[in-house]
Amino acid sequence: MSELTFGVLTKIIATLGPASSDVDSIIKLIHEGARVFRINFSHGRFEDFERLLKTIRQASERAACSVGVLGDLSGPKIRLARLKRTDLVLSVGDQVEFVAAVEHMDEDGSPLRLASTYAHLLEDVLPGHRLLIDDGAVRLLAVDAYGHGDQRRLRCQVIQGGPISSSKGLNLPDSQLDRVSSITDWDWQCAAWAIEHELDYLALSFVRRADDLEQLRRFAVERGRDGAMRLPLIAKIEKPQALDDLDGILKACDVVMVARGDLGVEMDLAEVPVIQKRIIARAHDLGRPAIVATQMLQSMIEHAHPTRAEVSDVANAIFDGADVVMLSGETAVGRYGPQAVRMMAHIARTTQAHLAGPMSQSWTKRPFIEEGRYRTAALARGVATIVSDLDPRLVVIWSQSGKGALYFSKNRLHVPIVAATSDLMVLRRMNILFGVQPVLMDQPRDVAEFLRNLDILLVERGWAALKDPVLTITGEPIGTPGVSNAIRVHYVGDEIH
């Protein structure tokens, strides 16, 4: 790993797809700074996912850099049913009727008839409700409902026109969709696969309440992903209803994602930046890492350089306190995936330098942490003050389970945190933590051996030079949870007593 990517505290997730599904492409993304790779279960079959997972692990080994793998459950995405024609364009004022049959095809005549993959659409969508197709590119307004059973119709008027085609997404922001399960049959199959193949994180789409996550948690625990094997769950906030139970959702998840795609479709676009700030701030209050996603460098799907507005968007997400920023189409199908990751890392580094300097007071604001009564959490708060005063090259801890690294990450230090563990799964999971650089190391016999091994590693990797000051947090016996009690300023290469 290069010195350039080592100093990037904000973590980067890259979505994989047709443009980035081979070993060499993934190695390039790793070299540019991607530390977590997203497998989107909305596209592909299990044999595709298995092949992609194997490719990620091979690339990680060849790049000599641990990376995490995130499985993203599809959730209950409502879509248009299959259409007979591929050239349909709706114009403002056109009349459209939705009918009951899920596989209904459009017929010649007026009005045009459509169907959806949601069996209860004709019951749940009422006159006056909006129907948004293709992320809101085409907008309909329900004006009348009539008929019964298979003959029921929902008449709509086009208020914003455009092309439509089979399987385009359909959002119903005004309708109560209580019969939509947050976890579909396909999601349960994908969750089982993710657990069996030891993925490092699992994201749940369209979370509406804490119970959605608690169901998934029970499913994982029943399959052995508890305790040291605990599967971190990511709650994707993309439904307005989730904001009504935000605290419950944050307490039930391990990481939260501000998924601005569907959130921006179902709410007033002008509210999305405010909601982003609110979610991140509350996540920090409760000690949960926050991811910001969707259209961050969207123009780089087709162009080698982002727009100025996109650069500002990424920087402002980091100013808001995002621990992680995510690329979607930019790396999955884009022509300039490695350049997009490089640009993301460059923006993050530049923004971090400003936060650690002119904006250091807001940067060092400490979150409320529920586990604050525990020794490691208290040490983490103390270390944050020492780092601010002494400005060491980096902070080093032994974090066998990853929990110590989480406490230090929560305090948002302005220097990297090197977190050592002998557990490969923990190593990969720590890749989503702000500021944390995980390293795999054999369990040392004592603190002196740990520091000697550490000095060799730091110099070999170019992360520090001889005589550089580093802050170490250790305890005896090393590797035992909860015993960290010694903070020292260690100069790289000095004899250990």
Protein backbone atom coordinates (compact mmCIF):
# COMPACT_ATOMS: atom_id res chain seq x y z
CA MET A 1 0.00 0.00 0.00
CA SER A 2 1.33 3.40 -0.90
CA GLU A 3 2.01 6.27 1.46
CA LEU A 4 -0.61 8.19 -0.54
CA THR A 5 -3.51 5.89 0.36
CA PHE A 6 -2.28 5.21 3.92
CA GLY A 7 -3.06 8.75 5.03
CA VAL A 8 -6.63 8.80 3.73
CA LEU A 9 -8.75 8.55 6.88
CA THR A 10 -12.16 8.55 5.17
CA LYS A 11 -12.81 5.05 3.84
CA ILE A 12 -13.89 4.33 0.26
CA ILE A 13 -16.34 1.64 -0.88
CA ALA A 14 -16.28 0.64 -4.56
CA THR A 15 -19.20 -1.21 -6.16
CA LEU A 16 -18.18 -4.02 -8.48
CA GLY A 17 -19.82 -4.77 -11.81
CA PRO A 18 -19.06 -5.49 -15.48
CA ALA A 19 -16.32 -2.82 -15.60
CA SER A 20 -14.52 -4.13 -12.50
CA SER A 21 -15.01 -7.88 -12.20
CA ASP A 22 -11.51 -9.20 -12.92
CA VAL A 23 -8.46 -9.43 -10.66
CA ASP A 24 -6.41 -6.74 -12.40
CA SER A 25 -9.26 -4.20 -12.30
CA ILE A 26 -9.85 -4.78 -8.59
CA ILE A 27 -6.12 -4.50 -7.84
CA LYS A 28 -6.13 -1.09 -9.53
CA LEU A 29 -9.05 0.02 -7.33
CA ILE A 30 -7.20 -1.22 -4.22
CA HIS A 31 -4.04 0.66 -5.20
CA GLU A 32 -6.05 3.86 -5.61
CA GLY A 33 -7.58 3.54 -2.14
CA ALA A 34 -10.73 1.35 -2.18
CA ARG A 35 -10.87 -0.70 1.02
CA VAL A 36 -14.34 -2.26 0.84
CA PHE A 37 -15.98 -3.81 -2.23
CA ARG A 38 -19.74 -3.97 -2.68
CA ILE A 39 -21.50 -6.93 -4.28
CA ASN A 40 -24.98 -5.82 -5.33
CA PHE A 41 -27.39 -8.75 -4.98
CA SER A 42 -29.85 -6.96 -7.29
CA HIS A 43 -27.83 -8.10 -10.29
CA GLY A 44 -26.69 -11.64 -10.95
CA ARG A 45 -26.98 -15.19 -9.64
CA PHE A 46 -25.19 -17.03 -6.87
CA GLU A 47 -22.59 -18.46 -9.22
CA ASP A 48 -21.83 -14.86 -10.29
CA PHE A 49 -21.50 -13.73 -6.68
CA GLU A 50 -19.25 -16.67 -5.83
CA ARG A 51 -16.98 -15.94 -8.77
CA LEU A 52 -16.81 -12.26 -7.82
CA LEU A 53 -16.02 -13.02 -4.18
CA LYS A 54 -13.21 -15.35 -5.21
CA THR A 55 -11.83 -12.66 -7.52
CA ILE A 56 -11.87 -10.07 -4.71
CA ARG A 57 -9.96 -12.39 -2.38
CA GLN A 58 -7.39 -13.15 -5.09
CA ALA A 59 -6.91 -9.45 -5.83
CA SER A 60 -6.54 -8.69 -2.12
CA GLU A 61 -3.84 -11.35 -1.78
CA ARG A 62 -1.95 -10.18 -4.85
CA ALA A 63 -2.15 -6.54 -3.75
CA ALA A 64 -0.98 -7.53 -0.23
CA CYS A 65 -3.81 -5.47 1.24
CA SER A 66 -6.76 -6.68 3.27
CA VAL A 67 -10.15 -5.54 1.96
CA GLY A 68 -13.71 -6.02 3.17
CA VAL A 69 -16.62 -7.38 1.16
CA LEU A 70 -20.11 -5.92 1.55
CA GLY A 71 -23.17 -7.83 0.39
CA ASP A 72 -26.04 -5.46 -0.46
CA LEU A 73 -29.51 -7.01 -0.18
CA SER A 74 -31.94 -5.82 -2.85
CA GLY A 75 -34.94 -5.15 -0.63
CA PRO A 76 -38.51 -4.76 -1.87
CA LYS A 77 -37.89 -2.67 -4.97
CA ILE A 78 -41.17 -2.18 -6.86
CA ARG A 79 -40.80 -2.22 -10.64
CA LEU A 80 -42.91 -1.98 -13.79
CA ALA A 81 -43.96 -5.35 -15.16
CA ARG A 82 -42.75 -6.55 -18.55
CA LEU A 83 -43.81 -4.42 -21.49
CA LYS A 84 -44.39 -5.57 -25.04
CA ARG A 85 -42.78 -2.49 -26.58
CA THR A 86 -39.37 -0.95 -25.96
CA ASP A 87 -40.05 2.48 -27.47
CA LEU A 88 -42.76 3.79 -25.14
CA VAL A 89 -42.57 7.50 -24.39
CA LEU A 90 -45.14 9.20 -22.16
CA SER A 91 -46.06 12.84 -22.68
CA VAL A 92 -47.48 15.34 -20.21
CA GLY A 93 -51.26 14.98 -20.04
CA ASP A 94 -51.35 11.36 -21.28
CA GLN A 95 -53.72 8.97 -19.51
CA VAL A 96 -52.29 5.70 -18.13
CA GLU A 97 -54.11 2.88 -16.36
CA PHE A 98 -52.55 0.39 -13.94
CA VAL A 99 -54.14 -3.05 -13.94
CA ALA A 100 -53.89 -6.02 -11.59
CA ALA A 101 -52.01 -8.66 -13.60
CA VAL A 102 -48.34 -8.61 -12.64
CA GLU A 103 -47.20 -9.88 -16.03
CA HIS A 104 -49.74 -7.81 -17.95
CA MET A 105 -48.39 -6.44 -21.22
CA ASP A 106 -49.39 -3.12 -22.70
CA GLU A 107 -52.10 -3.22 -25.34
CA ASP A 108 -52.81 -1.04 -28.29
CA GLY A 109 -55.40 1.62 -27.64
CA SER A 110 -55.99 4.38 -25.12
CA PRO A 111 -55.32 4.67 -22.31
CA LEU A 112 -52.05 2.76 -22.09
CA ARG A 113 -52.23 -0.11 -19.57
CA LEU A 114 -49.34 -0.89 -17.22
CA ALA A 115 -48.78 -3.29 -14.33
CA SER A 116 -46.24 -3.58 -11.53
CA THR A 117 -44.46 -6.24 -9.51
CA TYR A 118 -46.34 -5.13 -6.37
CA ALA A 119 -49.53 -7.18 -6.02
CA HIS A 120 -51.32 -4.62 -3.80
CA LEU A 121 -50.62 -1.47 -5.81
CA LEU A 122 -54.27 -1.04 -6.82
CA GLU A 123 -55.36 -1.21 -3.18
CA ASP A 124 -52.62 0.94 -1.62
CA VAL A 125 -52.35 3.74 -4.19
CA LEU A 126 -55.25 6.17 -3.89
CA PRO A 127 -56.37 9.13 -6.02
CA GLY A 128 -54.06 12.06 -5.30
CA HIS A 129 -50.99 9.82 -4.78
CA ARG A 130 -47.88 10.14 -6.94
CA LEU A 131 -46.26 7.30 -8.90
CA LEU A 132 -42.63 7.95 -9.85
CA ILE A 133 -40.96 5.86 -12.57
CA ASP A 134 -37.20 5.51 -13.14
CA ASP A 135 -36.04 7.48 -10.07
CA GLY A 136 -38.64 10.16 -10.72
CA ALA A 137 -37.68 10.83 -14.35
CA VAL A 138 -41.31 10.10 -15.28
CA ARG A 139 -44.06 11.18 -12.87
CA LEU A 140 -47.71 10.18 -12.72
CA LEU A 141 -50.60 11.33 -10.54
CA ALA A 142 -53.40 8.92 -9.62
CA VAL A 143 -56.72 10.60 -10.46
CA ASP A 144 -59.33 7.84 -10.24
CA ALA A 145 -59.82 4.20 -9.20
CA TYR A 146 -62.68 1.99 -10.35
CA GLY A 147 -63.70 -1.64 -10.83
CA HIS A 148 -63.23 -4.69 -8.60
CA GLY A 149 -61.01 -7.74 -8.47
CA ASP A 150 -59.16 -8.47 -11.69
CA GLN A 151 -61.10 -5.67 -13.36
CA ARG A 152 -59.89 -2.96 -10.97
CA ARG A 153 -58.15 0.00 -12.63
CA LEU A 154 -56.12 2.93 -11.37
CA ARG A 155 -56.28 5.83 -13.80
CA CYS A 156 -53.26 8.16 -13.75
CA GLN A 157 -52.26 11.33 -15.56
CA VAL A 158 -48.70 11.99 -16.72
CA ILE A 159 -47.36 15.15 -15.08
CA GLN A 160 -43.76 14.71 -16.24
CA GLY A 161 -43.11 12.72 -19.38
CA GLY A 162 -40.30 10.59 -20.72
CA PRO A 163 -39.41 7.07 -21.92
CA ILE A 164 -40.40 3.99 -19.91
CA SER A 165 -39.40 0.35 -20.27
CA SER A 166 -39.72 -3.04 -18.58
CA SER A 167 -38.48 -3.37 -14.98
CA LYS A 168 -37.95 0.33 -14.37
CA GLY A 169 -38.20 1.23 -10.69
CA LEU A 170 -41.52 2.52 -9.37
CA ASN A 171 -41.66 4.67 -6.22
CA LEU A 172 -44.90 5.37 -4.35
CA PRO A 173 -43.97 8.15 -1.89
CA ASP A 174 -47.51 9.04 -0.80
CA SER A 175 -48.81 5.51 -0.26
CA GLN A 176 -48.82 3.40 2.92
CA LEU A 177 -47.15 0.15 1.88
CA ASP A 178 -47.63 -1.83 5.08
CA ARG A 179 -47.91 -5.11 3.16
CA VAL A 180 -44.44 -4.72 1.65
CA SER A 181 -41.97 -6.90 3.53
CA SER A 182 -38.61 -5.19 4.06
CA ILE A 183 -36.86 -8.53 3.51
CA THR A 184 -37.94 -10.50 0.46
CA ASP A 185 -37.54 -14.22 -0.22
CA TRP A 186 -34.60 -13.38 -2.48
CA ASP A 187 -33.04 -11.32 0.32
CA TRP A 188 -33.24 -14.27 2.74
CA GLN A 189 -31.51 -16.49 0.17
CA CYS A 190 -28.80 -13.88 -0.36
CA ALA A 191 -28.36 -13.39 3.39
CA ALA A 192 -27.88 -17.14 3.84
CA TRP A 193 -25.31 -17.14 1.03
CA ALA A 194 -23.48 -14.16 2.55
CA ILE A 195 -23.29 -15.88 5.93
CA GLU A 196 -22.14 -19.18 4.44
CA HIS A 197 -19.37 -17.42 2.47
CA GLU A 198 -18.30 -15.25 5.44
CA LEU A 199 -18.91 -11.84 3.90
CA ASP A 200 -17.67 -9.02 6.09
CA TYR A 201 -20.77 -6.77 6.09
CA LEU A 202 -24.42 -7.13 5.06
CA ALA A 203 -26.51 -4.12 4.01
CA LEU A 204 -30.31 -4.07 4.21
CA SER A 205 -32.10 -1.84 1.70
CA PHE A 206 -35.26 0.19 2.32
CA VAL A 207 -35.10 -0.13 6.11
CA ARG A 208 -38.22 1.38 7.66
CA ARG A 209 -37.97 0.38 11.32
CA ALA A 210 -35.57 -1.22 13.80
CA ASP A 211 -37.47 -4.53 13.62
CA ASP A 212 -36.31 -5.00 10.02
CA LEU A 213 -32.72 -5.19 11.24
CA GLU A 214 -33.58 -7.24 14.31
CA GLN A 215 -35.12 -9.92 12.07
CA LEU A 216 -31.95 -10.04 10.01
CA ARG A 217 -29.81 -10.13 13.17
CA ARG A 218 -31.73 -13.13 14.53
CA PHE A 219 -31.30 -14.88 11.18
CA ALA A 220 -27.53 -14.35 11.30
CA VAL A 221 -27.22 -15.43 14.94
CA GLU A 222 -29.14 -18.64 14.25
CA ARG A 223 -26.51 -19.41 11.62
CA GLY A 224 -23.55 -18.82 13.89
CA ARG A 225 -22.71 -15.18 13.11
CA ASP A 226 -22.63 -13.95 16.70
CA GLY A 227 -19.96 -13.17 19.28
CA ALA A 228 -16.53 -13.06 17.63
CA MET A 229 -18.20 -14.07 14.34
CA ARG A 230 -20.80 -11.26 14.55
CA LEU A 231 -21.90 -10.05 11.12
CA PRO A 232 -21.95 -6.22 10.98
CA LEU A 233 -25.28 -4.99 9.58
CA ILE A 234 -25.58 -1.80 7.54
CA ALA A 235 -28.92 0.04 7.57
CA LYS A 236 -29.61 1.84 4.30
CA ILE A 237 -31.78 4.89 4.95
CA GLU A 238 -33.72 5.52 1.74
CA LYS A 239 -37.36 5.62 2.89
CA PRO A 240 -38.93 8.64 4.63
CA GLN A 241 -40.51 6.27 7.20
CA ALA A 242 -37.04 5.38 8.49
CA LEU A 243 -36.61 8.89 9.85
CA ASP A 244 -39.50 8.28 12.27
CA ASP A 245 -37.53 5.45 13.93
CA LEU A 246 -34.00 6.73 13.31
CA ASP A 247 -32.70 6.17 16.85
CA GLY A 248 -34.11 2.65 16.96
CA ILE A 249 -32.57 1.83 13.58
CA LEU A 250 -29.18 3.25 14.60
CA LYS A 251 -29.17 1.19 17.79
CA ALA A 252 -30.09 -1.97 15.87
CA CYS A 253 -27.43 -1.61 13.18
CA ASP A 254 -23.64 -1.48 13.21
CA VAL A 255 -23.25 1.04 10.37
CA VAL A 256 -25.72 3.42 8.71
CA MET A 257 -25.80 4.43 5.04
CA VAL A 258 -27.38 7.61 3.71
CA ALA A 259 -28.61 6.14 0.41
CA ARG A 260 -29.58 9.28 -1.44
CA GLY A 261 -30.99 7.65 -4.59
CA ASP A 262 -34.44 6.54 -3.50
CA LEU A 263 -34.41 9.02 -0.61
CA GLY A 264 -34.09 11.82 -3.16
CA VAL A 265 -36.94 10.37 -5.21
CA GLU A 266 -39.44 10.03 -2.36
CA MET A 267 -38.70 13.34 -0.62
CA ASP A 268 -38.22 16.94 -1.63
CA LEU A 269 -34.70 17.02 -3.11
CA ALA A 270 -33.92 20.18 -1.16
CA GLU A 271 -34.43 18.26 2.09
CA VAL A 272 -31.88 15.53 1.28
CA PRO A 273 -28.75 17.50 2.34
CA VAL A 274 -30.44 18.41 5.62
CA ILE A 275 -31.44 14.79 6.22
CA GLN A 276 -27.88 13.69 5.41
CA LYS A 277 -26.50 16.00 8.11
CA ARG A 278 -29.13 14.87 10.60
CA ILE A 279 -28.46 11.16 10.08
CA ILE A 280 -24.67 11.54 10.29
CA ALA A 281 -24.83 13.70 13.41
CA ARG A 282 -27.14 11.26 15.20
CA ALA A 283 -25.04 8.30 14.07
CA HIS A 284 -22.01 9.93 15.67
CA ASP A 285 -23.97 10.58 18.86
CA LEU A 286 -24.63 6.85 19.10
CA GLY A 287 -21.18 5.78 17.92
CA ARG A 288 -22.21 4.35 14.55
CA PRO A 289 -20.04 4.82 11.44
CA ALA A 290 -21.88 6.62 8.63
CA ILE A 291 -21.63 6.01 4.88
CA VAL A 292 -22.76 8.53 2.24
CA ALA A 293 -23.68 7.03 -1.13
CA THR A 294 -25.23 7.65 -4.56
CA GLN A 295 -24.13 9.84 -7.48
CA MET A 296 -21.07 11.19 -5.66
CA LEU A 297 -18.91 11.32 -8.83
CA GLN A 298 -21.65 10.34 -11.27
CA SER A 299 -20.20 12.14 -14.30
CA MET A 300 -17.06 9.96 -14.05
CA ILE A 301 -19.05 7.04 -15.41
CA GLU A 302 -18.45 8.63 -18.83
CA HIS A 303 -15.84 11.32 -18.22
CA ALA A 304 -12.29 11.30 -16.86
CA HIS A 305 -12.92 14.28 -14.57
CA PRO A 306 -15.79 15.07 -12.16
CA THR A 307 -17.80 18.27 -12.10
CA ARG A 308 -16.98 20.94 -9.55
CA ALA A 309 -20.36 20.33 -7.92
CA GLU A 310 -19.52 16.62 -7.45
CA VAL A 311 -16.18 17.43 -5.83
CA SER A 312 -17.98 19.80 -3.46
CA ASP A 313 -20.56 17.10 -2.70
CA VAL A 314 -17.88 14.60 -1.64
CA ALA A 315 -16.04 17.21 0.42
CA ASN A 316 -19.25 18.37 2.11
CA ALA A 317 -20.13 14.78 3.03
CA ILE A 318 -16.77 14.58 4.80
CA PHE A 319 -17.35 17.98 6.42
CA ASP A 320 -20.69 16.55 7.63
CA GLY A 321 -18.72 13.74 9.28
CA ALA A 322 -19.06 10.83 6.84
CA ASP A 323 -16.77 7.99 7.89
CA VAL A 324 -17.11 6.32 4.48
CA VAL A 325 -17.98 7.47 0.96
CA MET A 326 -19.25 5.05 -1.67
CA LEU A 327 -18.94 4.78 -5.44
CA SER A 328 -21.67 2.92 -7.34
CA GLY A 329 -21.94 3.12 -11.13
CA GLU A 330 -18.61 4.97 -11.26
CA THR A 331 -16.72 1.73 -10.58
CA ALA A 332 -19.38 -0.87 -11.51
CA VAL A 333 -20.00 0.22 -15.11
CA GLY A 334 -17.93 3.37 -15.53
CA ARG A 335 -15.08 3.90 -17.97
CA TYR A 336 -12.87 5.56 -15.36
CA GLY A 337 -13.25 3.48 -12.18
CA PRO A 338 -9.65 3.72 -10.87
CA GLN A 339 -9.57 7.45 -11.62
CA ALA A 340 -12.84 7.88 -9.67
CA VAL A 341 -11.33 6.16 -6.62
CA ARG A 342 -8.16 8.24 -6.96
CA MET A 343 -10.23 11.44 -7.13
CA MET A 344 -12.28 10.37 -4.11
CA ALA A 345 -9.10 9.73 -2.11
CA HIS A 346 -7.61 13.07 -3.20
CA ILE A 347 -10.74 14.97 -2.13
CA ALA A 348 -10.78 13.13 1.19
CA ARG A 349 -7.12 13.86 1.92
CA THR A 350 -7.48 17.55 1.04
CA THR A 351 -10.65 17.93 3.12
CA GLN A 352 -9.12 16.10 6.08
CA ALA A 353 -6.09 18.44 6.06
CA HIS A 354 -8.44 21.41 6.33
CA LEU A 355 -10.45 19.78 9.11
CA ALA A 356 -7.30 18.99 11.08
CA GLY A 357 -6.10 22.57 10.70
CA PRO A 358 -8.46 25.54 10.36
CA MET A 359 -11.51 23.51 11.44
CA SER A 360 -9.82 21.43 14.15
CA GLN A 361 -12.29 22.45 16.87
CA SER A 362 -15.26 20.97 15.01
CA TRP A 363 -13.11 18.02 13.87
CA THR A 364 -12.28 17.03 17.45
CA LYS A 365 -15.82 17.25 18.79
CA ARG A 366 -16.32 14.06 20.79
CA PRO A 367 -19.48 11.98 20.27
CA PHE A 368 -21.58 10.56 23.04
CA ILE A 369 -20.62 6.90 23.29
CA GLU A 370 -22.92 4.57 25.22
CA GLU A 371 -20.02 2.26 26.12
CA GLY A 372 -18.12 5.21 27.61
CA ARG A 373 -17.87 3.61 31.04
CA TYR A 374 -15.56 0.91 29.69
CA ARG A 375 -11.79 1.28 30.03
CA THR A 376 -10.94 1.23 26.32
CA ALA A 377 -13.60 3.81 25.47
CA ALA A 378 -12.29 6.12 28.22
CA LEU A 379 -8.72 5.62 26.99
CA ALA A 380 -9.82 6.49 23.46
CA ARG A 381 -11.16 9.85 24.63
CA GLY A 382 -7.92 10.54 26.50
CA VAL A 383 -5.80 9.57 23.51
CA ALA A 384 -7.77 12.03 21.36
CA THR A 385 -6.61 14.85 23.64
CA ILE A 386 -2.99 13.63 23.63
CA VAL A 387 -2.98 13.37 19.83
CA SER A 388 -4.25 16.94 19.59
CA ASP A 389 -1.45 18.16 21.87
CA LEU A 390 1.51 16.04 20.68
CA ASP A 391 0.64 15.43 17.00
CA PRO A 392 2.29 11.99 16.70
CA ARG A 393 2.84 10.34 13.32
CA LEU A 394 0.13 7.78 14.10
CA VAL A 395 -1.61 5.82 16.85
CA VAL A 396 -1.04 2.09 17.33
CA ILE A 397 -3.20 -0.44 19.17
CA TRP A 398 -3.56 -4.18 19.37
CA SER A 399 -7.24 -4.85 18.62
CA GLN A 400 -7.83 -8.58 18.54
CA SER A 401 -11.62 -8.35 18.24
CA GLY A 402 -11.77 -4.97 16.47
CA LYS A 403 -13.75 -3.36 19.29
CA GLY A 404 -10.83 -1.26 20.50
CA ALA A 405 -10.30 0.00 16.96
CA LEU A 406 -13.99 0.96 16.84
CA TYR A 407 -13.68 3.04 20.03
CA PHE A 408 -10.67 4.92 18.67
CA SER A 409 -12.32 5.42 15.28
CA LYS A 410 -15.36 6.96 16.96
CA ASN A 411 -13.16 9.73 18.37
CA ARG A 412 -12.16 10.79 14.83
CA LEU A 413 -8.45 11.34 15.38
CA HIS A 414 -6.67 13.36 12.70
CA VAL A 415 -3.86 10.79 12.37
CA PRO A 416 -4.08 7.17 11.15
CA ILE A 417 -4.79 4.39 13.67
CA VAL A 418 -2.78 1.24 13.00
CA ALA A 419 -4.83 -1.61 14.50
CA ALA A 420 -3.13 -5.02 14.70
CA THR A 421 -4.93 -8.35 15.03
CA SER A 422 -4.17 -12.01 14.38
CA ASP A 423 -7.78 -12.68 13.25
CA LEU A 424 -8.26 -12.48 9.47
CA MET A 425 -12.03 -11.85 9.68
CA VAL A 426 -11.53 -9.01 12.18
CA LEU A 427 -8.81 -7.61 9.92
CA ARG A 428 -11.23 -7.36 7.00
CA ARG A 429 -14.08 -5.95 9.10
CA MET A 430 -11.95 -3.07 10.41
CA ASN A 431 -11.63 -1.70 6.85
CA ILE A 432 -14.88 0.24 7.23
CA LEU A 433 -13.70 2.15 10.31
CA PHE A 434 -12.70 5.78 9.87
CA GLY A 435 -8.96 6.33 10.21
CA VAL A 436 -8.17 2.68 10.94
CA GLN A 437 -5.45 0.85 9.00
CA PRO A 438 -5.76 -2.83 9.97
CA VAL A 439 -2.66 -5.06 9.91
CA LEU A 440 -2.35 -8.81 10.36
CA MET A 441 0.27 -9.85 12.88
CA ASP A 442 1.07 -13.03 14.81
CA GLN A 443 0.07 -12.81 18.46
CA PRO A 444 3.14 -11.37 20.26
CA ARG A 445 4.33 -12.77 23.59
CA ASP A 446 4.41 -9.36 25.24
CA VAL A 447 4.30 -5.61 24.59
CA ALA A 448 8.04 -5.41 23.88
CA GLU A 449 7.79 -7.98 21.09
CA PHE A 450 4.74 -6.20 19.70
CA LEU A 451 6.59 -2.87 19.51
CA ARG A 452 9.66 -4.45 17.90
CA ASN A 453 7.48 -6.12 15.25
CA LEU A 454 5.61 -2.86 14.82
CA ASP A 455 8.79 -0.85 14.17
CA ILE A 456 9.79 -3.26 11.39
CA LEU A 457 6.34 -3.10 9.80
CA LEU A 458 6.06 0.71 9.90
CA VAL A 459 9.47 1.25 8.31
CA GLU A 460 9.05 -1.50 5.69
CA ARG A 461 5.70 -0.09 4.55
CA GLY A 462 6.85 3.50 4.61
CA TRP A 463 4.25 4.52 7.16
CA ALA A 464 6.85 5.98 9.53
CA ALA A 465 10.60 6.64 9.64
CA LEU A 466 13.12 5.94 12.36
CA LYS A 467 12.68 8.28 15.34
CA ASP A 468 9.13 9.26 14.31
CA PRO A 469 6.89 9.54 17.38
CA VAL A 470 3.93 7.15 17.53
CA LEU A 471 1.41 6.83 20.31
CA THR A 472 0.89 3.23 21.49
CA ILE A 473 -1.95 1.87 23.62
CA THR A 474 -1.28 -1.54 25.13
CA GLY A 475 -2.03 -3.80 28.07
CA GLU A 476 -0.70 -7.02 29.57
CA PRO A 477 -1.28 -9.76 28.65
CA ILE A 478 -1.46 -8.33 25.14
CA GLY A 479 -4.45 -9.49 23.13
CA THR A 480 -6.72 -9.90 26.16
CA PRO A 481 -9.89 -7.78 25.73
CA GLY A 482 -10.38 -4.95 28.21
CA VAL A 483 -6.86 -4.81 29.69
CA SER A 484 -5.48 -1.83 27.72
CA ASN A 485 -4.14 0.57 30.34
CA ALA A 486 -0.80 1.94 29.13
CA ILE A 487 -0.30 4.94 26.82
CA ARG A 488 3.23 5.71 25.71
CA VAL A 489 4.99 7.91 23.21
CA HIS A 490 7.26 5.50 21.34
CA TYR A 491 9.95 6.62 18.92
CA VAL A 492 10.27 4.22 16.00
CA GLY A 493 13.46 2.16 16.30
CA ASP A 494 14.17 2.98 19.93
CA GLU A 495 15.18 0.11 22.17
CA ILE A 496 12.25 -1.40 24.06
CA HIS A 497 12.67 -1.85 27.81
